[in-house]
Amino acid sequence: MAASEHVELRVTAEAKSKITRAAAILHVPVGAFVGSAAEEKAEQVIRGHEAVSVVPADFFDDLLAALDKPAVPTPAMTEAMRRLNHLVARD
């Protein structure tokens, strides 16, 4: 798809030199190089932002409180430990 939007930016002389050199190495116009680099960075930022899950504070507090409570063994856990103790010799 052909580009149809215009973006202006100001950079230092050093940054412009680096950008121009990198574009020349890749044999692409400076505008295409800058646009591609900016779009790649934008996608990276968006993916990083979307990967963060947000939970309400009270849910998080309840989760931490539940994790702090000692485990209460279920009948299945008790049976599993009984079988483990029967199978594994202890010194």
Protein backbone atom coordinates (compact mmCIF):
# COMPACT_ATOMS: atom_id res chain seq x y z
CA MET A 1 0.00 0.00 0.00
CA ALA A 2 1.35 3.42 -0.91
CA ALA A 3 2.10 5.81 1.93
CA SER A 4 -0.46 8.59 2.21
CA GLU A 5 0.34 10.29 5.52
CA HIS A 6 3.03 12.83 6.30
CA VAL A 7 5.08 13.01 9.51
CA GLU A 8 7.63 15.69 10.35
CA LEU A 9 10.39 15.38 12.89
CA ARG A 10 13.47 17.21 14.00
CA VAL A 11 16.67 15.37 14.81
CA THR A 12 20.21 16.35 15.66
CA ALA A 13 22.80 16.56 12.90
CA GLU A 14 24.43 13.43 14.34
CA ALA A 15 21.17 11.49 14.29
CA LYS A 16 20.45 12.60 10.72
CA SER A 17 23.90 11.47 9.65
CA LYS A 18 23.39 8.03 11.22
CA ILE A 19 19.93 7.67 9.69
CA THR A 20 21.15 8.70 6.26
CA ARG A 21 24.10 6.31 6.45
CA ALA A 22 21.91 3.40 7.58
CA ALA A 23 19.39 4.06 4.81
CA ALA A 24 22.20 4.15 2.25
CA ILE A 25 23.57 0.83 3.52
CA LEU A 26 20.14 -0.74 2.99
CA HIS A 27 19.67 1.06 -0.35
CA VAL A 28 16.35 2.59 0.73
CA PRO A 29 15.19 6.21 0.84
CA VAL A 30 15.63 7.96 4.18
CA GLY A 31 11.87 8.44 4.54
CA ALA A 32 11.24 4.72 4.02
CA PHE A 33 13.99 3.84 6.49
CA VAL A 34 12.66 6.20 9.18
CA GLY A 35 9.05 5.14 8.60
CA SER A 36 9.93 1.45 8.81
CA ALA A 37 12.05 1.91 11.95
CA ALA A 38 9.34 3.98 13.63
CA GLU A 39 6.64 1.45 12.76
CA GLU A 40 8.75 -1.45 14.10
CA LYS A 41 9.32 0.43 17.36
CA ALA A 42 5.62 1.29 17.59
CA GLU A 43 4.66 -2.37 17.18
CA GLN A 44 7.18 -3.35 19.88
CA VAL A 45 5.78 -0.77 22.32
CA ILE A 46 2.18 -1.80 21.61
CA ARG A 47 2.98 -5.52 22.09
CA GLY A 48 4.72 -4.74 25.38
CA HIS A 49 1.81 -2.64 26.57
CA GLU A 50 -0.78 -5.25 25.62
CA ALA A 51 1.21 -8.01 27.34
CA VAL A 52 0.79 -6.33 30.72
CA SER A 53 -2.26 -7.57 32.55
CA VAL A 54 -3.98 -5.23 34.92
CA VAL A 55 -6.05 -6.49 37.83
CA PRO A 56 -8.02 -4.49 40.38
CA ALA A 57 -6.07 -3.75 43.57
CA ASP A 58 -8.55 -5.59 45.81
CA PHE A 59 -8.24 -8.74 43.67
CA PHE A 60 -4.45 -8.57 43.97
CA ASP A 61 -4.67 -8.04 47.74
CA ASP A 62 -7.02 -11.04 48.05
CA LEU A 63 -4.64 -13.16 45.97
CA LEU A 64 -1.66 -12.29 48.17
CA ALA A 65 -3.69 -13.00 51.32
CA ALA A 66 -4.72 -16.40 49.95
CA LEU A 67 -1.10 -17.22 49.10
CA ASP A 68 -0.02 -16.31 52.63
CA LYS A 69 -2.46 -18.80 54.21
CA PRO A 70 -1.11 -22.27 54.95
CA ALA A 71 -2.27 -24.93 52.53
CA VAL A 72 -5.11 -27.16 53.66
CA PRO A 73 -4.56 -30.65 52.32
CA THR A 74 -7.41 -32.13 50.36
CA PRO A 75 -8.27 -35.83 50.57
CA ALA A 76 -6.61 -36.34 47.16
CA MET A 77 -3.41 -34.63 48.35
CA THR A 78 -3.38 -36.72 51.53
CA GLU A 79 -3.79 -39.92 49.50
CA ALA A 80 -1.04 -38.88 47.09
CA MET A 81 1.36 -38.28 49.99
CA ARG A 82 0.44 -41.65 51.51
CA ARG A 83 1.23 -43.40 48.21
CA LEU A 84 4.47 -41.43 47.83
CA ASN A 85 5.61 -42.36 51.34
CA HIS A 86 4.81 -46.00 50.59
CA LEU A 87 6.83 -45.98 47.33
CA VAL A 88 9.84 -43.95 48.45
CA ALA A 89 12.20 -45.38 51.02
CA ARG A 90 13.35 -42.75 53.51
CA ASP A 91 16.57 -42.92 55.47
